[in-house]
């Protein structure tokens, strides 16, 4: 591990930057800032406009797109240049961090290659990370583009894809770092625990996908009750009124998407708790024990934040806290699975 310390630090710094980027992405979404930059230029958009003239040019360009024409120009008190600067900042900052991540990954990668600091296995994994990073940038623009045509809102499918792939990229980066932190490989002693942990990770990623659906459809702003959806209904009648069938409702309807996300949370909690009770029957090492115990703490915190976010109609700070702890839960899940696997 000692010889790999610089590489480990590099990969973990990438995890931190990915975490920051998703947090800023959450602010961008919650402040409705995502459609403020109406074009994509890799070099010229690196910094915001530097003169009032350039700001006015950008604002005038923004006025030709649906978000301004159908929503912002009708706001009480109007929508002025200062308002535009505010939403522009968050979208620009989100993209700027993406550029920083690219630089932080590529330059050290070339350096470590030149210095023979990476073995063949790690090189392959880093190339995969490079491809994933480039694809994530494409998904960001693919998402934004959907809100610049007719409907002044991004596709919730594209938003969920962009968000989930960011989580997956983060998880894979962390896994590669853990492979270097714990280079020893032994036979898995408890395959049943490993299987439960794998299922829990898949279920958690599904929950993240539906979290993206909820964000994209603003589905957290309806049925702000718990544990029932409202009026004594566990399954609200509006779920099947929005769409023609249940499957379509849980991916396209606000009520249906919220129902699935809030109900599937119980499945996530159940699997984490199941993993804990199953682990009590075997002799785990300290790393495995700590991972599983931490999972219980983080999943209960995340569940509580989800309930509070719903009850308080998704205030910015609670929405961000919910997303932040989702990262923590994924981190703990990846660490625990890694320790149960190797």
Protein backbone atom coordinates (compact mmCIF):
# COMPACT_ATOMS: atom_id res chain seq x y z
CA UNK A 1 0.00 0.00 0.00
CA UNK A 2 2.85 2.40 0.83
CA UNK A 3 4.09 2.54 -2.77
CA UNK A 4 0.51 3.13 -3.98
CA UNK A 5 -0.25 6.02 -1.64
CA UNK A 6 -0.06 8.75 -4.35
CA UNK A 7 -2.34 6.73 -6.65
CA UNK A 8 -4.79 6.05 -3.81
CA UNK A 9 -4.85 9.73 -2.87
CA UNK A 10 -5.46 10.61 -6.53
CA UNK A 11 -8.42 8.23 -6.83
CA UNK A 12 -9.94 9.32 -3.52
CA UNK A 13 -9.59 12.98 -4.53
CA UNK A 14 -11.58 12.05 -7.64
CA UNK A 15 -14.27 10.59 -5.38
CA UNK A 16 -14.40 13.84 -3.40
CA UNK A 17 -14.72 15.90 -6.58
CA UNK A 18 -17.48 13.64 -7.88
CA UNK A 19 -19.28 14.07 -4.58
CA UNK A 20 -18.97 17.88 -4.81
CA UNK A 21 -20.15 17.84 -8.40
CA UNK A 22 -23.30 15.88 -7.58
CA UNK A 23 -24.02 18.19 -4.64
CA UNK A 24 -23.70 21.24 -6.89
CA UNK A 25 -25.86 19.41 -9.43
CA UNK A 26 -28.49 19.03 -6.71
CA UNK A 27 -28.39 22.77 -5.99
CA UNK A 28 -28.61 23.44 -9.73
CA UNK A 29 -31.74 21.31 -9.95
CA UNK A 30 -33.39 22.64 -6.80
CA UNK A 31 -32.79 26.28 -7.85
CA UNK A 32 -34.04 25.59 -11.40
CA UNK A 33 -30.68 26.72 -12.81
CA UNK A 34 -29.96 23.83 -15.16
CA UNK A 35 -31.21 25.46 -18.38
CA UNK A 36 -29.50 28.83 -17.89
CA UNK A 37 -26.55 28.00 -20.17
CA UNK A 38 -28.10 27.35 -23.55
CA UNK A 39 -25.00 26.14 -25.39
CA UNK A 40 -21.90 24.08 -24.72
CA UNK A 41 -18.38 25.21 -25.57
CA UNK A 42 -15.54 23.27 -24.01
CA UNK A 43 -13.12 26.23 -23.89
CA UNK A 44 -15.07 29.51 -24.17
CA UNK A 45 -17.53 28.61 -21.39
CA UNK A 46 -14.76 27.89 -18.90
CA UNK A 47 -15.45 31.18 -17.10
CA UNK A 48 -18.63 33.31 -16.84
CA UNK A 49 -19.05 36.48 -18.94
CA UNK A 50 -16.56 39.13 -17.82
CA UNK A 51 -18.34 42.29 -19.00
CA UNK A 52 -21.86 43.66 -18.76
CA UNK A 53 -22.08 43.50 -22.53
CA UNK A 54 -21.28 39.78 -22.53
CA UNK A 55 -23.80 39.20 -19.74
CA UNK A 56 -26.50 40.94 -21.76
CA UNK A 57 -25.65 38.84 -24.80
CA UNK A 58 -26.00 35.65 -22.78
CA UNK A 59 -29.27 36.88 -21.25
CA UNK A 60 -30.72 37.77 -24.64
CA UNK A 61 -29.81 34.32 -25.93
CA UNK A 62 -31.51 32.76 -22.89
CA UNK A 63 -34.68 34.74 -23.66
CA UNK A 64 -35.09 32.85 -26.93
CA UNK A 65 -35.54 29.52 -25.12
CA UNK A 66 -38.69 27.94 -23.61
CA UNK A 67 -37.79 28.34 -19.92
CA UNK A 68 -37.76 32.12 -20.15
CA UNK A 69 -40.62 32.38 -22.66
CA UNK A 70 -43.00 30.06 -20.80
CA UNK A 71 -42.01 30.48 -17.14
CA UNK A 72 -39.53 33.12 -16.02
CA UNK A 73 -40.80 36.14 -17.92
CA UNK A 74 -44.16 35.74 -16.19
CA UNK A 75 -42.76 35.67 -12.66
CA UNK A 76 -44.09 38.22 -10.21
CA UNK A 77 -41.75 41.19 -10.30
CA UNK A 78 -40.25 40.06 -13.57
CA UNK A 79 -37.04 38.21 -14.33
CA UNK A 80 -34.03 40.48 -14.64
CA UNK A 81 -30.33 40.22 -15.42
CA UNK A 82 -29.42 39.74 -11.74
CA UNK A 83 -31.87 36.83 -11.54
CA UNK A 84 -30.27 35.33 -14.63
CA UNK A 85 -26.77 35.72 -13.17
CA UNK A 86 -27.84 33.71 -10.12
CA UNK A 87 -29.10 30.69 -12.07
CA UNK A 88 -26.22 30.97 -14.55
CA UNK A 89 -23.69 30.69 -11.73
CA UNK A 90 -24.90 27.29 -10.50
CA UNK A 91 -25.01 25.72 -13.95
CA UNK A 92 -21.61 27.21 -14.80
CA UNK A 93 -20.13 26.00 -11.50
CA UNK A 94 -21.50 22.51 -12.11
CA UNK A 95 -19.85 22.37 -15.53
CA UNK A 96 -16.65 23.95 -14.21
CA UNK A 97 -16.23 21.19 -11.61
CA UNK A 98 -16.67 18.68 -14.43
CA UNK A 99 -13.73 20.27 -16.24
CA UNK A 100 -11.67 20.19 -13.04
CA UNK A 101 -12.42 16.49 -12.62
CA UNK A 102 -11.20 15.87 -16.18
CA UNK A 103 -7.93 17.70 -15.49
CA UNK A 104 -7.44 16.05 -12.09
CA UNK A 105 -7.90 12.64 -13.68
CA UNK A 106 -6.02 12.93 -16.98
CA UNK A 107 -2.83 14.76 -15.93
CA UNK A 108 -1.96 12.51 -12.94
CA UNK A 109 -2.93 9.46 -15.01
CA UNK A 110 -0.36 10.38 -17.65
CA UNK A 111 2.22 11.10 -14.94
CA UNK A 112 1.66 7.76 -13.18
CA UNK A 113 1.86 5.95 -16.52
CA UNK A 114 5.18 7.66 -17.31
CA UNK A 115 6.55 6.79 -13.86
CA UNK A 116 5.33 3.15 -14.05
CA UNK A 117 3.24 3.61 -10.91
CA UNK A 118 0.29 1.63 -12.27
CA UNK A 119 0.12 -2.10 -12.85
CA UNK A 120 -1.72 -3.53 -15.87
CA UNK A 121 -4.88 -4.23 -13.89
CA UNK A 122 -5.08 -0.69 -12.53
CA UNK A 123 -4.37 0.80 -15.97
CA UNK A 124 -7.35 -1.11 -17.39
CA UNK A 125 -9.57 0.13 -14.57
CA UNK A 126 -8.40 3.73 -15.05
CA UNK A 127 -9.14 3.58 -18.77
CA UNK A 128 -12.65 2.43 -17.89
CA UNK A 129 -12.91 5.42 -15.51
CA UNK A 130 -11.73 7.75 -18.28
CA UNK A 131 -14.46 6.46 -20.61
CA UNK A 132 -17.05 6.72 -17.84
CA UNK A 133 -16.06 10.34 -17.16
CA UNK A 134 -16.37 11.29 -20.82
CA UNK A 135 -19.73 9.56 -21.10
CA UNK A 136 -20.95 11.35 -17.98
CA UNK A 137 -20.15 14.70 -19.62
CA UNK A 138 -22.13 13.64 -22.70
CA UNK A 139 -25.08 12.60 -20.51
CA UNK A 140 -25.06 16.05 -18.89
CA UNK A 141 -25.47 17.80 -22.20
CA UNK A 142 -27.93 15.14 -23.42
CA UNK A 143 -30.04 15.92 -20.34
CA UNK A 144 -29.90 19.73 -20.71
CA UNK A 145 -30.72 19.53 -24.42
CA UNK A 146 -34.09 17.93 -23.63
CA UNK A 147 -35.21 21.14 -21.87
CA UNK A 148 -34.17 23.55 -24.62
CA UNK A 149 -36.61 22.51 -27.32
CA UNK A 150 -40.32 22.79 -26.45
CA UNK A 151 -40.85 21.79 -22.83
CA UNK A 152 -38.89 24.03 -20.40
CA UNK A 153 -37.83 21.15 -18.20
CA UNK A 154 -35.34 18.36 -18.68
CA UNK A 155 -36.49 14.79 -19.26
CA UNK A 156 -36.71 13.02 -15.92
CA UNK A 157 -35.39 9.88 -17.63
CA UNK A 158 -32.27 11.71 -18.78
CA UNK A 159 -31.85 13.37 -15.39
CA UNK A 160 -32.06 10.02 -13.61
CA UNK A 161 -29.56 8.53 -16.07
CA UNK A 162 -27.14 11.43 -15.54
CA UNK A 163 -27.48 11.27 -11.75
CA UNK A 164 -27.27 7.49 -11.45
CA UNK A 165 -24.26 7.22 -13.72
CA UNK A 166 -22.49 9.81 -11.55
CA UNK A 167 -23.15 7.62 -8.50
CA UNK A 168 -21.93 4.54 -10.38
CA UNK A 169 -18.76 6.33 -11.52
CA UNK A 170 -18.15 7.37 -7.93
CA UNK A 171 -18.72 3.81 -6.69
CA UNK A 172 -16.35 2.31 -9.27
CA UNK A 173 -13.65 4.90 -8.51
CA UNK A 174 -13.94 4.05 -4.82
CA UNK A 175 -13.77 0.32 -5.59
CA UNK A 176 -10.54 0.80 -7.58
CA UNK A 177 -9.07 2.79 -4.68
CA UNK A 178 -10.10 0.07 -2.21
CA UNK A 179 -8.38 -2.55 -4.37
CA UNK A 180 -5.14 -0.62 -3.84
CA UNK A 181 -5.75 0.10 -0.15
CA UNK A 182 -6.43 -3.61 0.51
CA UNK A 183 -4.32 -5.46 -2.08
CA UNK A 184 -4.57 -8.85 -0.32
CA UNK A 185 -7.02 -11.27 -1.86
CA UNK A 186 -8.44 -14.26 -0.01
CA UNK A 187 -11.31 -16.62 -0.65
CA UNK A 188 -14.71 -15.28 0.43
CA UNK A 189 -15.60 -16.97 3.72
CA UNK A 190 -19.26 -15.97 3.88
CA UNK A 191 -20.80 -16.17 0.37
CA UNK A 192 -24.35 -15.68 1.72
CA UNK A 193 -23.42 -12.30 3.23
CA UNK A 194 -21.70 -11.31 0.00
CA UNK A 195 -24.82 -12.26 -1.96
CA UNK A 196 -27.08 -10.18 0.30
CA UNK A 197 -24.68 -7.25 0.04
CA UNK A 198 -24.69 -7.48 -3.77
CA UNK A 199 -28.48 -7.53 -3.85
CA UNK A 200 -28.55 -4.58 -1.44
CA UNK A 201 -26.23 -2.60 -3.73
CA UNK A 202 -28.41 -3.30 -6.78
CA UNK A 203 -31.55 -2.32 -4.85
CA UNK A 204 -29.83 0.87 -3.64
CA UNK A 205 -28.94 1.83 -7.21
CA UNK A 206 -32.57 1.24 -8.21
CA UNK A 207 -33.63 3.56 -5.39
CA UNK A 208 -31.17 6.20 -6.67
CA UNK A 209 -32.72 5.89 -10.15
CA UNK A 210 -36.18 6.56 -8.73
CA UNK A 211 -34.74 9.40 -6.69
CA UNK A 212 -33.73 10.91 -10.05
CA UNK A 213 -37.28 10.39 -11.33
CA UNK A 214 -38.65 12.15 -8.24
CA UNK A 215 -36.27 15.08 -8.76
CA UNK A 216 -36.98 15.32 -12.48
CA UNK A 217 -40.75 15.33 -12.04
CA UNK A 218 -40.75 17.41 -8.81
CA UNK A 219 -42.71 14.49 -7.39
CA UNK A 220 -41.62 15.35 -3.86
CA UNK A 221 -44.04 18.28 -3.91
CA UNK A 222 -47.14 16.07 -3.99
CA UNK A 223 -48.56 13.85 -1.22
CA UNK A 224 -46.52 15.43 1.56
CA UNK A 225 -47.67 13.00 4.24
CA UNK A 226 -46.16 9.96 5.94
CA UNK A 227 -46.52 7.04 6.49
CA UNK A 228 -49.67 7.21 4.32
CA UNK A 229 -49.78 9.26 1.13
CA UNK A 230 -52.85 11.24 2.31
CA UNK A 231 -56.43 10.83 3.43
CA UNK A 232 -55.68 7.44 4.97
CA UNK A 233 -54.46 6.04 1.64
CA UNK A 234 -51.31 3.94 1.40
CA UNK A 235 -51.81 3.68 -2.38
CA UNK A 236 -53.23 7.01 -3.49
CA UNK A 237 -56.04 6.93 -6.06
CA UNK A 238 -54.26 9.50 -8.24
CA UNK A 239 -51.53 6.98 -9.10
CA UNK A 240 -53.71 5.15 -11.62
CA UNK A 241 -55.50 8.31 -12.74
CA UNK A 242 -52.27 9.86 -14.07
CA UNK A 243 -51.32 6.97 -16.36
CA UNK A 244 -53.05 4.08 -18.12
CA UNK A 245 -51.38 1.32 -16.09
CA UNK A 246 -49.36 0.79 -12.94
CA UNK A 247 -45.98 0.19 -14.63
CA UNK A 248 -46.31 3.41 -16.62
CA UNK A 249 -47.48 5.25 -13.50
CA UNK A 250 -44.37 4.38 -11.46
CA UNK A 251 -42.01 5.69 -14.13
CA UNK A 252 -43.93 8.63 -15.59
CA UNK A 253 -46.56 9.85 -13.11
CA UNK A 254 -45.70 12.11 -10.17
CA UNK A 255 -47.84 10.16 -7.72
CA UNK A 256 -46.67 6.79 -9.02
CA UNK A 257 -42.98 7.72 -8.98
CA UNK A 258 -43.25 9.04 -5.44
CA UNK A 259 -45.15 5.93 -4.34
CA UNK A 260 -42.46 3.63 -5.68
CA UNK A 261 -39.59 5.68 -4.22
CA UNK A 262 -41.12 5.98 -0.75
CA UNK A 263 -42.23 2.32 -0.66
CA UNK A 264 -38.99 0.90 -2.08
CA UNK A 265 -37.14 2.66 0.76
CA UNK A 266 -38.53 -0.03 3.08
CA UNK A 267 -36.89 -2.68 0.89
CA UNK A 268 -33.53 -0.88 1.14
CA UNK A 269 -33.80 -0.69 4.93
CA UNK A 270 -34.92 -4.33 5.17
CA UNK A 271 -31.89 -5.59 3.22
CA UNK A 272 -29.45 -3.55 5.30
CA UNK A 273 -31.00 -4.83 8.54
CA UNK A 274 -31.07 -8.40 7.17
CA UNK A 275 -27.36 -8.12 6.42
CA UNK A 276 -26.77 -7.05 10.03
CA UNK A 277 -28.66 -9.96 11.60
CA UNK A 278 -27.10 -12.50 9.26
CA UNK A 279 -23.65 -11.12 10.11
CA UNK A 280 -24.24 -11.77 13.83
CA UNK A 281 -24.18 -15.52 13.14
CA UNK A 282 -20.62 -15.54 11.77
CA UNK A 283 -17.19 -14.36 12.91
CA UNK A 284 -16.37 -11.27 10.83
CA UNK A 285 -13.18 -9.25 11.03
CA UNK A 286 -13.23 -5.69 12.38
CA UNK A 287 -13.43 -4.05 8.94
CA UNK A 288 -16.46 -6.10 7.94
CA UNK A 289 -18.18 -5.50 11.27
CA UNK A 290 -17.60 -1.75 11.14
CA UNK A 291 -18.92 -1.59 7.57
CA UNK A 292 -22.14 -3.42 8.41
CA UNK A 293 -22.76 -1.42 11.60
CA UNK A 294 -22.14 1.85 9.79
CA UNK A 295 -24.62 0.75 7.11
CA UNK A 296 -27.37 0.50 9.75
CA UNK A 297 -26.66 4.02 11.01
CA UNK A 298 -26.49 5.62 7.57
CA UNK A 299 -29.55 3.86 6.11
CA UNK A 300 -31.72 4.89 9.09
CA UNK A 301 -30.44 8.46 8.80
CA UNK A 302 -31.21 8.45 5.08
CA UNK A 303 -34.69 7.05 5.65
CA UNK A 304 -35.40 9.74 8.24
CA UNK A 305 -34.15 12.50 5.94
CA UNK A 306 -36.34 11.16 3.15
CA UNK A 307 -39.43 11.35 5.38
CA UNK A 308 -38.55 14.88 6.59
CA UNK A 309 -37.82 16.08 3.05
CA UNK A 310 -41.28 14.92 2.03
CA UNK A 311 -43.09 16.34 5.07
CA UNK A 312 -41.47 19.78 4.69
CA UNK A 313 -42.12 20.03 0.93
CA UNK A 314 -38.48 19.59 -0.19
CA UNK A 315 -36.67 22.66 1.20
CA UNK A 316 -33.26 23.20 -0.41
CA UNK A 317 -31.20 22.22 2.63
CA UNK A 318 -33.15 19.02 3.29
CA UNK A 319 -33.10 18.02 -0.36
CA UNK A 320 -29.32 18.44 -0.39
CA UNK A 321 -28.90 16.61 2.91
CA UNK A 322 -30.92 13.70 1.53
CA UNK A 323 -28.68 13.55 -1.54
CA UNK A 324 -25.52 13.93 0.56
CA UNK A 325 -26.42 11.01 2.81
CA UNK A 326 -27.32 8.94 -0.27
CA UNK A 327 -23.66 9.32 -1.22
CA UNK A 328 -22.67 8.26 2.27
CA UNK A 329 -24.91 5.21 2.05
CA UNK A 330 -23.46 4.21 -1.33
CA UNK A 331 -19.92 4.72 0.01
CA UNK A 332 -20.60 2.52 3.02
CA UNK A 333 -22.32 -0.10 0.87
CA UNK A 334 -19.38 -0.28 -1.57
CA UNK A 335 -16.87 -0.49 1.28
CA UNK A 336 -18.84 -3.25 3.03
CA UNK A 337 -19.27 -5.29 -0.15
CA UNK A 338 -15.55 -4.89 -0.93
CA UNK A 339 -14.59 -6.14 2.53
CA UNK A 340 -17.00 -9.08 2.23
CA UNK A 341 -15.69 -9.91 -1.24
CA UNK A 342 -11.92 -9.80 -0.74
